[in-house]
Every structure is written in C-alpha cells, then in structure tokens.
Amino acid sequence: MNISIIDAWRTREAREFFRNVWPMYVHELSGFDSNFYVLDEAGRWQPDIVDDWVSSVTPPSNLRASEPEQDPMQPFQRTHVITSDTRPVGFVCVGLRPFRYMPDDVDVCIAEFFLIHESRGTGAGRHALQLLLHRYPGRWHLSAIHDNARAIRFWTKTLPLLGVRELETRHEGGDVTWRFVAER
C-alpha cells in the first residue's frame, strides 16, 4: 500500500474528488451532531464550505488577521486528498495559523478527516497522518465529536503510534480534543 497526500487547492482531480465525497462525510458526521450542518430544500448541506477548503487563497473572513493573497503560505485552510496506490480514498482538512477556527496557541489543526469505509482499518489514515505531521511540524490540535466513538478510538490509538510529543487528551465543550507536538 503506497499512501500519499495530494493538495486539493493545486490539483483539479483532487479538488473534484473532495467536492464529490464531502456530502458523504457531512452525512456521516450529521449522525453525531446535527447542530452545524443542515440539509436545505434542494438536498444540499448548508453551510456550503467546500470551496473554502479547496481555494488557493483562504477567504479573509476565515482568518484571525488579514494576510495578503500573495503570501507564500496561502492558503491557510488546506485540503489534502489521501490516496492509496494512486486511488483517492479520503481527505484531511487542516488549518494553519492564522486560520480563525483553531485555538490561538497552536500552529496546525485538523478540522476534518475522512476515509471511505473500505479504507478504514487498513493503515491508510495513519500513514497519511504521518506524512502530514512531517510536512507541518509544530503544535497541533484536533477534536472529535463526543458521540463519535470510532473517531475517538482511532485518534486515541493512532496518535501515540505516530511518535508525537507532549500528547494531551482533554474533554472540552463535550467533545474530546488532543494537543501534541510534531517534529520533522
């Protein structure tokens, strides 16, 4: 199994895959928490934030501080499509400081993480995360909805295997959160 991560803001095929599987992800997530995403009358999930995750420039409203569009770190809101033997099998969305929707004291947050059912339990997620941690060293944060037992088991098992430092697990606002440090 050869795992890689493809930048969806740079690659049309990755962007298209992400757009196509996003509704499956949100549908699954809505089984645990229906407070954020709601189906509209046409059957589309709202709010529709897909384009924010694949844009080459993060919308200013999603940043804590104004950053120029030409900043070499743009976008600060990134989607990586996970591939297994070149076949797309999932995605991970990360925010980089100054992304608005992450704690002030971290450098990177995992905002969304999804694998298609047949790729769960294969090691694809762990391998993709290893690539991300190497790509983005620093202080990390992620959370799982309190009722999502599968996600909580995955993160509890996987994070120690990745060799992260200063791993902390907390219960915040009813959800489970993890903070840790990743090095190259």
N, C-alpha and C. Protein backbone atom coordinates (compact mmCIF):
# COMPACT_ATOMS: atom_id res chain seq x y z
N MET A 1 0.85 -1.17 0.00
CA MET A 1 0.00 0.00 0.00
C MET A 1 0.90 1.24 0.00
N ASN A 2 0.76 2.06 -1.03
CA ASN A 2 1.53 3.30 -1.16
C ASN A 2 0.59 4.48 -0.91
N ILE A 3 0.77 5.13 0.23
CA ILE A 3 -0.11 6.23 0.63
C ILE A 3 0.55 7.56 0.29
N SER A 4 -0.24 8.48 -0.23
CA SER A 4 0.25 9.83 -0.48
C SER A 4 -0.88 10.82 -0.17
N ILE A 5 -0.50 12.09 -0.10
CA ILE A 5 -1.49 13.16 0.08
C ILE A 5 -1.31 14.14 -1.07
N ILE A 6 -2.43 14.52 -1.66
CA ILE A 6 -2.44 15.40 -2.82
C ILE A 6 -3.11 16.72 -2.43
N ASP A 7 -2.49 17.83 -2.78
CA ASP A 7 -3.02 19.14 -2.46
C ASP A 7 -4.23 19.46 -3.33
N ALA A 8 -5.40 19.54 -2.72
CA ALA A 8 -6.63 19.76 -3.48
C ALA A 8 -6.73 21.18 -4.04
N TRP A 9 -6.04 22.14 -3.44
CA TRP A 9 -6.09 23.51 -3.96
C TRP A 9 -5.20 23.67 -5.19
N ARG A 10 -4.39 22.65 -5.50
CA ARG A 10 -3.50 22.71 -6.65
C ARG A 10 -3.87 21.74 -7.77
N THR A 11 -4.67 20.73 -7.48
CA THR A 11 -4.92 19.64 -8.41
C THR A 11 -6.41 19.48 -8.69
N ARG A 12 -6.80 19.62 -9.93
CA ARG A 12 -8.21 19.54 -10.31
C ARG A 12 -8.84 18.22 -9.90
N GLU A 13 -8.15 17.10 -10.13
CA GLU A 13 -8.71 15.79 -9.80
C GLU A 13 -8.94 15.64 -8.30
N ALA A 14 -8.00 16.13 -7.50
CA ALA A 14 -8.16 16.06 -6.04
C ALA A 14 -9.31 16.96 -5.59
N ARG A 15 -9.41 18.13 -6.17
CA ARG A 15 -10.49 19.06 -5.85
C ARG A 15 -11.84 18.42 -6.18
N GLU A 16 -11.94 17.78 -7.34
CA GLU A 16 -13.18 17.14 -7.75
C GLU A 16 -13.54 15.98 -6.82
N PHE A 17 -12.56 15.17 -6.45
CA PHE A 17 -12.82 14.07 -5.51
C PHE A 17 -13.37 14.63 -4.20
N PHE A 18 -12.69 15.64 -3.67
CA PHE A 18 -13.13 16.24 -2.41
C PHE A 18 -14.56 16.75 -2.50
N ARG A 19 -14.87 17.48 -3.55
CA ARG A 19 -16.23 18.00 -3.73
C ARG A 19 -17.26 16.88 -3.79
N ASN A 20 -16.89 15.77 -4.42
CA ASN A 20 -17.83 14.66 -4.58
C ASN A 20 -18.06 13.88 -3.29
N VAL A 21 -17.02 13.72 -2.46
CA VAL A 21 -17.20 12.91 -1.24
C VAL A 21 -17.59 13.75 -0.02
N TRP A 22 -17.44 15.06 -0.11
CA TRP A 22 -17.81 15.93 1.02
C TRP A 22 -19.23 15.65 1.54
N PRO A 23 -20.25 15.54 0.65
CA PRO A 23 -21.60 15.26 1.17
C PRO A 23 -21.69 13.94 1.93
N MET A 24 -20.92 12.92 1.53
CA MET A 24 -20.91 11.64 2.27
C MET A 24 -20.36 11.87 3.67
N TYR A 25 -19.28 12.63 3.77
CA TYR A 25 -18.66 12.93 5.05
C TYR A 25 -19.63 13.68 5.96
N VAL A 26 -20.25 14.74 5.43
CA VAL A 26 -21.16 15.54 6.24
C VAL A 26 -22.37 14.71 6.67
N HIS A 27 -22.86 13.87 5.78
CA HIS A 27 -23.98 12.98 6.14
C HIS A 27 -23.59 12.09 7.32
N GLU A 28 -22.39 11.50 7.24
CA GLU A 28 -21.92 10.65 8.34
C GLU A 28 -21.78 11.45 9.62
N LEU A 29 -21.19 12.64 9.52
CA LEU A 29 -20.99 13.50 10.68
C LEU A 29 -22.32 13.93 11.30
N SER A 30 -23.33 14.13 10.47
CA SER A 30 -24.62 14.59 10.97
C SER A 30 -25.28 13.56 11.88
N GLY A 31 -24.84 12.32 11.82
CA GLY A 31 -25.36 11.31 12.72
C GLY A 31 -24.90 11.50 14.15
N PHE A 32 -23.87 12.29 14.35
CA PHE A 32 -23.33 12.54 15.69
C PHE A 32 -23.68 13.93 16.19
N ASP A 33 -23.81 14.88 15.27
CA ASP A 33 -24.05 16.26 15.67
C ASP A 33 -24.80 16.96 14.54
N SER A 34 -26.03 17.31 14.77
CA SER A 34 -26.82 17.95 13.72
C SER A 34 -26.95 19.45 13.94
N ASN A 35 -26.11 20.03 14.76
CA ASN A 35 -26.22 21.45 15.07
C ASN A 35 -25.57 22.36 14.04
N PHE A 36 -24.58 21.86 13.29
CA PHE A 36 -23.86 22.73 12.37
C PHE A 36 -24.36 22.59 10.94
N TYR A 37 -24.39 21.37 10.42
CA TYR A 37 -24.81 21.15 9.03
C TYR A 37 -26.29 20.80 8.96
N VAL A 38 -26.98 21.41 8.00
CA VAL A 38 -28.41 21.18 7.80
C VAL A 38 -28.66 21.04 6.31
N LEU A 39 -29.52 20.08 5.94
CA LEU A 39 -29.90 19.94 4.54
C LEU A 39 -30.89 21.03 4.16
N ASP A 40 -30.64 21.68 3.01
CA ASP A 40 -31.60 22.66 2.53
C ASP A 40 -32.69 21.95 1.72
N GLU A 41 -33.63 22.72 1.20
CA GLU A 41 -34.77 22.15 0.48
C GLU A 41 -34.36 21.39 -0.78
N ALA A 42 -33.19 21.74 -1.35
CA ALA A 42 -32.70 21.07 -2.57
C ALA A 42 -31.84 19.85 -2.24
N GLY A 43 -31.64 19.56 -0.95
CA GLY A 43 -30.84 18.41 -0.55
C GLY A 43 -29.35 18.68 -0.50
N ARG A 44 -28.96 19.95 -0.37
CA ARG A 44 -27.55 20.32 -0.25
C ARG A 44 -27.25 20.68 1.20
N TRP A 45 -26.07 20.25 1.67
CA TRP A 45 -25.68 20.56 3.04
C TRP A 45 -25.31 22.03 3.15
N GLN A 46 -25.83 22.68 4.19
CA GLN A 46 -25.52 24.07 4.47
C GLN A 46 -24.95 24.16 5.88
N PRO A 47 -23.99 24.98 6.18
CA PRO A 47 -23.36 25.88 5.23
C PRO A 47 -22.49 25.11 4.23
N ASP A 48 -22.41 25.65 3.03
CA ASP A 48 -21.61 25.05 1.97
C ASP A 48 -20.21 25.67 2.02
N ILE A 49 -19.28 24.95 2.64
CA ILE A 49 -17.93 25.49 2.84
C ILE A 49 -16.88 24.77 1.98
N VAL A 50 -17.33 23.97 1.04
CA VAL A 50 -16.41 23.19 0.21
C VAL A 50 -15.39 24.07 -0.49
N ASP A 51 -15.85 25.13 -1.14
CA ASP A 51 -14.92 25.98 -1.90
C ASP A 51 -13.86 26.62 -1.01
N ASP A 52 -14.21 26.94 0.25
CA ASP A 52 -13.21 27.50 1.17
C ASP A 52 -12.05 26.53 1.37
N TRP A 53 -12.34 25.23 1.37
CA TRP A 53 -11.31 24.22 1.63
C TRP A 53 -10.43 23.91 0.43
N VAL A 54 -10.84 24.29 -0.76
CA VAL A 54 -10.03 23.97 -1.95
C VAL A 54 -9.54 25.22 -2.68
N SER A 55 -9.81 26.39 -2.14
CA SER A 55 -9.36 27.62 -2.75
C SER A 55 -7.86 27.81 -2.57
N SER A 56 -7.23 28.47 -3.53
CA SER A 56 -5.78 28.74 -3.41
C SER A 56 -5.51 29.92 -2.48
N VAL A 57 -6.56 30.63 -2.08
CA VAL A 57 -6.45 31.74 -1.13
C VAL A 57 -7.55 31.59 -0.09
N THR A 58 -7.19 31.58 1.17
CA THR A 58 -8.18 31.46 2.24
C THR A 58 -9.01 32.75 2.32
N PRO A 59 -10.33 32.63 2.36
CA PRO A 59 -11.17 33.83 2.47
C PRO A 59 -10.79 34.62 3.72
N PRO A 60 -10.67 35.95 3.60
CA PRO A 60 -10.30 36.78 4.76
C PRO A 60 -11.20 36.55 5.98
N SER A 61 -12.47 36.23 5.76
CA SER A 61 -13.39 36.00 6.89
C SER A 61 -13.01 34.75 7.69
N ASN A 62 -12.18 33.89 7.13
CA ASN A 62 -11.75 32.68 7.83
C ASN A 62 -10.39 32.84 8.50
N LEU A 63 -9.87 34.06 8.54
CA LEU A 63 -8.56 34.34 9.14
C LEU A 63 -8.71 35.24 10.35
N ARG A 64 -7.82 35.05 11.32
CA ARG A 64 -7.79 35.92 12.51
C ARG A 64 -7.22 37.29 12.17
N ALA A 65 -6.29 37.30 11.23
CA ALA A 65 -5.63 38.54 10.83
C ALA A 65 -5.57 38.57 9.31
N SER A 66 -5.60 39.75 8.76
CA SER A 66 -5.54 39.90 7.31
C SER A 66 -4.18 39.46 6.78
N GLU A 67 -4.20 38.66 5.75
CA GLU A 67 -2.97 38.20 5.10
C GLU A 67 -3.10 38.47 3.61
N PRO A 68 -2.02 38.91 2.96
CA PRO A 68 -2.12 39.18 1.53
C PRO A 68 -2.33 37.90 0.72
N GLU A 69 -3.07 38.03 -0.38
CA GLU A 69 -3.30 36.88 -1.25
C GLU A 69 -1.99 36.31 -1.78
N GLN A 70 -0.96 37.14 -1.88
CA GLN A 70 0.32 36.70 -2.41
C GLN A 70 1.22 36.06 -1.35
N ASP A 71 0.77 35.99 -0.10
CA ASP A 71 1.57 35.38 0.96
C ASP A 71 1.95 33.96 0.53
N PRO A 72 3.23 33.61 0.58
CA PRO A 72 3.65 32.28 0.12
C PRO A 72 3.07 31.12 0.94
N MET A 73 2.51 31.42 2.11
CA MET A 73 1.89 30.36 2.92
C MET A 73 0.44 30.11 2.54
N GLN A 74 -0.15 30.96 1.68
CA GLN A 74 -1.53 30.75 1.26
C GLN A 74 -1.65 29.41 0.54
N PRO A 75 -2.74 28.71 0.70
CA PRO A 75 -3.84 29.00 1.60
C PRO A 75 -3.54 28.54 3.02
N PHE A 76 -4.22 29.14 3.97
CA PHE A 76 -4.08 28.77 5.38
C PHE A 76 -5.12 27.73 5.77
N GLN A 77 -6.01 27.44 4.88
CA GLN A 77 -7.09 26.46 5.03
C GLN A 77 -6.91 25.48 3.88
N ARG A 78 -6.43 24.26 4.16
CA ARG A 78 -5.98 23.34 3.11
C ARG A 78 -6.64 21.97 3.20
N THR A 79 -6.97 21.44 2.04
CA THR A 79 -7.46 20.06 1.95
C THR A 79 -6.42 19.22 1.23
N HIS A 80 -6.11 18.08 1.83
CA HIS A 80 -5.23 17.09 1.22
C HIS A 80 -6.07 15.83 0.97
N VAL A 81 -6.07 15.37 -0.27
CA VAL A 81 -6.76 14.13 -0.60
C VAL A 81 -5.79 12.99 -0.33
N ILE A 82 -6.27 11.97 0.36
CA ILE A 82 -5.47 10.79 0.69
C ILE A 82 -5.64 9.78 -0.42
N THR A 83 -4.51 9.28 -0.95
CA THR A 83 -4.57 8.24 -1.98
C THR A 83 -3.88 6.99 -1.47
N SER A 84 -4.37 5.86 -1.93
CA SER A 84 -3.77 4.56 -1.66
C SER A 84 -3.50 3.91 -3.02
N ASP A 85 -2.23 3.71 -3.33
CA ASP A 85 -1.85 3.19 -4.65
C ASP A 85 -2.48 4.04 -5.75
N THR A 86 -2.39 5.34 -5.62
CA THR A 86 -2.87 6.40 -6.53
C THR A 86 -4.39 6.54 -6.58
N ARG A 87 -5.14 5.73 -5.86
CA ARG A 87 -6.61 5.81 -5.85
C ARG A 87 -7.05 6.67 -4.66
N PRO A 88 -7.85 7.74 -4.90
CA PRO A 88 -8.32 8.56 -3.78
C PRO A 88 -9.20 7.74 -2.83
N VAL A 89 -8.91 7.86 -1.53
CA VAL A 89 -9.66 7.10 -0.53
C VAL A 89 -10.15 7.96 0.64
N GLY A 90 -9.83 9.24 0.62
CA GLY A 90 -10.27 10.10 1.72
C GLY A 90 -9.65 11.47 1.64
N PHE A 91 -9.82 12.23 2.72
CA PHE A 91 -9.24 13.57 2.76
C PHE A 91 -8.99 13.97 4.21
N VAL A 92 -8.13 14.96 4.34
CA VAL A 92 -7.90 15.59 5.63
C VAL A 92 -7.79 17.09 5.37
N CYS A 93 -8.52 17.87 6.16
CA CYS A 93 -8.51 19.33 6.05
C CYS A 93 -7.77 19.88 7.26
N VAL A 94 -6.79 20.74 6.99
CA VAL A 94 -6.01 21.34 8.07
C VAL A 94 -6.08 22.86 7.97
N GLY A 95 -6.02 23.47 9.13
CA GLY A 95 -5.92 24.92 9.20
C GLY A 95 -4.55 25.28 9.73
N LEU A 96 -3.95 26.30 9.15
CA LEU A 96 -2.65 26.81 9.58
C LEU A 96 -2.86 28.22 10.15
N ARG A 97 -2.10 28.53 11.17
CA ARG A 97 -2.20 29.86 11.75
C ARG A 97 -1.97 30.90 10.66
N PRO A 98 -2.85 31.89 10.48
CA PRO A 98 -3.87 32.46 11.35
C PRO A 98 -5.30 32.02 11.05
N PHE A 99 -5.53 30.75 10.71
CA PHE A 99 -6.88 30.24 10.48
C PHE A 99 -7.74 30.54 11.71
N ARG A 100 -8.91 31.09 11.48
CA ARG A 100 -9.78 31.58 12.56
C ARG A 100 -10.31 30.46 13.46
N TYR A 101 -10.56 29.29 12.92
CA TYR A 101 -11.29 28.26 13.66
C TYR A 101 -10.35 27.23 14.28
N MET A 102 -9.39 27.74 15.05
CA MET A 102 -8.45 26.89 15.78
C MET A 102 -7.98 27.65 17.00
N PRO A 103 -7.49 26.94 18.02
CA PRO A 103 -7.01 27.64 19.21
C PRO A 103 -5.84 28.57 18.89
N ASP A 104 -5.71 29.64 19.65
CA ASP A 104 -4.65 30.63 19.45
C ASP A 104 -3.25 30.06 19.62
N ASP A 105 -3.11 29.06 20.48
CA ASP A 105 -1.78 28.61 20.87
C ASP A 105 -1.27 27.40 20.08
N VAL A 106 -1.84 27.13 18.91
CA VAL A 106 -1.34 26.01 18.09
C VAL A 106 -0.99 26.52 16.70
N ASP A 107 -0.22 25.73 15.98
CA ASP A 107 0.22 26.08 14.63
C ASP A 107 -0.65 25.44 13.55
N VAL A 108 -1.17 24.25 13.86
CA VAL A 108 -1.92 23.47 12.88
C VAL A 108 -3.10 22.81 13.59
N CYS A 109 -4.23 22.75 12.89
CA CYS A 109 -5.35 21.97 13.43
C CYS A 109 -5.89 21.07 12.33
N ILE A 110 -6.33 19.91 12.75
CA ILE A 110 -7.06 19.04 11.84
C ILE A 110 -8.52 19.39 12.03
N ALA A 111 -9.13 19.90 10.98
CA ALA A 111 -10.52 20.32 11.05
C ALA A 111 -11.47 19.22 10.59
N GLU A 112 -11.06 18.45 9.60
CA GLU A 112 -11.90 17.39 9.05
C GLU A 112 -10.99 16.23 8.64
N PHE A 113 -11.49 15.00 8.83
CA PHE A 113 -10.72 13.82 8.46
C PHE A 113 -11.72 12.74 8.05
N PHE A 114 -11.52 12.16 6.86
CA PHE A 114 -12.47 11.19 6.35
C PHE A 114 -11.78 10.16 5.48
N LEU A 115 -12.14 8.91 5.70
CA LEU A 115 -11.73 7.80 4.83
C LEU A 115 -12.98 7.06 4.39
N ILE A 116 -12.99 6.64 3.12
CA ILE A 116 -14.11 5.81 2.67
C ILE A 116 -14.09 4.52 3.48
N HIS A 117 -15.24 3.90 3.63
CA HIS A 117 -15.37 2.74 4.53
C HIS A 117 -14.36 1.63 4.24
N GLU A 118 -14.14 1.29 2.98
CA GLU A 118 -13.25 0.17 2.67
C GLU A 118 -11.79 0.45 3.02
N SER A 119 -11.44 1.71 3.25
CA SER A 119 -10.05 2.04 3.60
C SER A 119 -9.84 2.18 5.10
N ARG A 120 -10.90 2.12 5.87
CA ARG A 120 -10.77 2.22 7.32
C ARG A 120 -10.17 0.93 7.87
N GLY A 121 -9.27 1.08 8.81
CA GLY A 121 -8.64 -0.08 9.43
C GLY A 121 -7.50 -0.68 8.62
N THR A 122 -7.13 -0.04 7.52
CA THR A 122 -6.06 -0.58 6.65
C THR A 122 -4.69 0.03 6.94
N GLY A 123 -4.65 1.08 7.75
CA GLY A 123 -3.41 1.81 7.98
C GLY A 123 -3.27 3.03 7.09
N ALA A 124 -4.19 3.23 6.16
CA ALA A 124 -4.11 4.37 5.24
C ALA A 124 -4.18 5.70 6.01
N GLY A 125 -5.07 5.80 6.97
CA GLY A 125 -5.20 7.03 7.74
C GLY A 125 -3.94 7.33 8.53
N ARG A 126 -3.40 6.33 9.19
CA ARG A 126 -2.17 6.52 9.98
C ARG A 126 -1.02 6.96 9.09
N HIS A 127 -0.86 6.32 7.93
CA HIS A 127 0.23 6.69 7.01
C HIS A 127 0.05 8.11 6.48
N ALA A 128 -1.18 8.48 6.15
CA ALA A 128 -1.44 9.84 5.67
C ALA A 128 -1.11 10.86 6.76
N LEU A 129 -1.49 10.56 7.99
CA LEU A 129 -1.20 11.47 9.10
C LEU A 129 0.30 11.61 9.32
N GLN A 130 1.04 10.53 9.16
CA GLN A 130 2.50 10.60 9.30
C GLN A 130 3.08 11.58 8.27
N LEU A 131 2.57 11.53 7.04
CA LEU A 131 3.01 12.47 6.01
C LEU A 131 2.68 13.91 6.39
N LEU A 132 1.48 14.13 6.92
CA LEU A 132 1.08 15.48 7.33
C LEU A 132 1.93 16.01 8.47
N LEU A 133 2.18 15.17 9.46
CA LEU A 133 2.97 15.61 10.61
C LEU A 133 4.38 15.99 10.18
N HIS A 134 4.92 15.27 9.22
CA HIS A 134 6.25 15.59 8.71
C HIS A 134 6.21 16.91 7.92
N ARG A 135 5.14 17.12 7.19
CA ARG A 135 5.02 18.32 6.36
C ARG A 135 4.78 19.57 7.20
N TYR A 136 4.06 19.44 8.30
CA TYR A 136 3.70 20.58 9.14
C TYR A 136 4.18 20.38 10.58
N PRO A 137 5.46 20.53 10.85
CA PRO A 137 5.90 20.40 12.24
C PRO A 137 5.36 21.56 13.07
N GLY A 138 5.17 21.28 14.36
CA GLY A 138 4.69 22.32 15.26
C GLY A 138 3.68 21.79 16.24
N ARG A 139 2.94 22.73 16.84
CA ARG A 139 1.91 22.41 17.83
C ARG A 139 0.58 22.17 17.12
N TRP A 140 -0.03 21.03 17.41
CA TRP A 140 -1.26 20.60 16.72
C TRP A 140 -2.44 20.53 17.69
N HIS A 141 -3.63 20.58 17.08
CA HIS A 141 -4.88 20.41 17.82
C HIS A 141 -5.88 19.68 16.92
N LEU A 142 -6.70 18.84 17.51
CA LEU A 142 -7.81 18.23 16.79
C LEU A 142 -8.87 17.85 17.79
N SER A 143 -10.09 17.69 17.30
CA SER A 143 -11.17 17.28 18.19
C SER A 143 -12.09 16.29 17.50
N ALA A 144 -12.79 15.53 18.30
CA ALA A 144 -13.78 14.57 17.81
C ALA A 144 -15.07 14.80 18.58
N ILE A 145 -16.18 14.70 17.86
CA ILE A 145 -17.49 14.86 18.49
C ILE A 145 -17.66 13.76 19.54
N HIS A 146 -18.16 14.13 20.69
CA HIS A 146 -18.24 13.23 21.85
C HIS A 146 -18.93 11.90 21.56
N ASP A 147 -19.89 11.85 20.66
CA ASP A 147 -20.60 10.60 20.36
C ASP A 147 -19.92 9.76 19.28
N ASN A 148 -18.87 10.28 18.65
CA ASN A 148 -18.22 9.57 17.56
C ASN A 148 -17.16 8.61 18.13
N ALA A 149 -17.63 7.50 18.66
CA ALA A 149 -16.75 6.54 19.35
C ALA A 149 -15.65 6.00 18.42
N ARG A 150 -15.98 5.76 17.17
CA ARG A 150 -14.98 5.23 16.24
C ARG A 150 -13.83 6.22 16.06
N ALA A 151 -14.15 7.50 15.88
CA ALA A 151 -13.12 8.53 15.72
C ALA A 151 -12.28 8.65 17.00
N ILE A 152 -12.92 8.63 18.14
CA ILE A 152 -12.20 8.74 19.40
C ILE A 152 -11.25 7.56 19.57
N ARG A 153 -11.70 6.35 19.25
CA ARG A 153 -10.80 5.18 19.31
C ARG A 153 -9.63 5.33 18.35
N PHE A 154 -9.92 5.79 17.11
CA PHE A 154 -8.86 5.96 16.11
C PHE A 154 -7.78 6.91 16.61
N TRP A 155 -8.17 8.10 17.06
CA TRP A 155 -7.19 9.09 17.49
C TRP A 155 -6.45 8.63 18.74
N THR A 156 -7.16 8.02 19.68
CA THR A 156 -6.53 7.54 20.91
C THR A 156 -5.48 6.48 20.61
N LYS A 157 -5.76 5.61 19.67
CA LYS A 157 -4.81 4.56 19.28
C LYS A 157 -3.69 5.08 18.39
N THR A 158 -4.03 5.94 17.44
CA THR A 158 -3.09 6.33 16.39
C THR A 158 -2.07 7.36 16.82
N LEU A 159 -2.48 8.38 17.55
CA LEU A 159 -1.54 9.44 17.89
C LEU A 159 -0.29 8.94 18.60
N PRO A 160 -0.38 8.06 19.59
CA PRO A 160 0.86 7.55 20.22
C PRO A 160 1.75 6.79 19.23
N LEU A 161 1.16 6.15 18.24
CA LEU A 161 1.95 5.40 17.25
C LEU A 161 2.73 6.30 16.31
N LEU A 162 2.32 7.56 16.21
CA LEU A 162 2.96 8.50 15.29
C LEU A 162 4.19 9.18 15.88
N GLY A 163 4.48 8.92 17.14
CA GLY A 163 5.68 9.50 17.75
C GLY A 163 5.55 10.97 18.09
N VAL A 164 4.32 11.44 18.30
CA VAL A 164 4.14 12.84 18.68
C VAL A 164 4.62 13.04 20.12
N ARG A 165 4.97 14.26 20.45
CA ARG A 165 5.41 14.61 21.80
C ARG A 165 4.33 15.41 22.51
N GLU A 166 4.41 15.43 23.82
CA GLU A 166 3.53 16.25 24.66
C GLU A 166 2.05 16.02 24.35
N LEU A 167 1.69 14.77 24.16
CA LEU A 167 0.31 14.41 23.83
C LEU A 167 -0.60 14.60 25.04
N GLU A 168 -1.65 15.40 24.84
CA GLU A 168 -2.65 15.64 25.88
C GLU A 168 -4.03 15.35 25.31
N THR A 169 -4.84 14.66 26.09
CA THR A 169 -6.23 14.42 25.72
C THR A 169 -7.09 15.17 26.72
N ARG A 170 -8.08 15.90 26.20
CA ARG A 170 -8.96 16.69 27.06
C ARG A 170 -10.41 16.49 26.63
N HIS A 171 -11.30 16.85 27.53
CA HIS A 171 -12.72 16.92 27.22
C HIS A 171 -13.09 18.40 27.28
N GLU A 172 -13.46 18.94 26.12
CA GLU A 172 -13.75 20.37 26.02
C GLU A 172 -15.10 20.56 25.33
N GLY A 173 -16.00 21.24 25.97
CA GLY A 173 -17.29 21.51 25.37
C GLY A 173 -18.04 20.25 24.97
N GLY A 174 -17.83 19.17 25.70
CA GLY A 174 -18.50 17.91 25.39
C GLY A 174 -17.77 17.05 24.38
N ASP A 175 -16.77 17.60 23.69
CA ASP A 175 -16.01 16.83 22.71
C ASP A 175 -14.68 16.39 23.30
N VAL A 176 -14.01 15.48 22.59
CA VAL A 176 -12.69 15.04 23.00
C VAL A 176 -11.68 15.75 22.11
N THR A 177 -10.66 16.36 22.73
CA THR A 177 -9.63 17.07 21.97
C THR A 177 -8.26 16.49 22.30
N TRP A 178 -7.38 16.65 21.34
CA TRP A 178 -5.99 16.24 21.52
C TRP A 178 -5.09 17.40 21.11
N ARG A 179 -4.03 17.57 21.88
CA ARG A 179 -2.98 18.53 21.57
C ARG A 179 -1.67 17.77 21.61
N PHE A 180 -0.78 18.13 20.71
CA PHE A 180 0.52 17.46 20.66
C PHE A 180 1.49 18.27 19.83
N VAL A 181 2.73 17.85 19.86
CA VAL A 181 3.78 18.49 19.08
C VAL A 181 4.33 17.46 18.10
N ALA A 182 4.48 17.89 16.84
CA ALA A 182 5.05 17.05 15.79
C ALA A 182 6.36 17.68 15.33
N GLU A 183 7.33 16.82 15.12
CA GLU A 183 8.63 17.29 14.61
C GLU A 183 8.92 16.61 13.28
N ARG A 184 9.79 17.18 12.50
CA ARG A 184 10.19 16.57 11.22
C ARG A 184 10.95 15.31 11.45
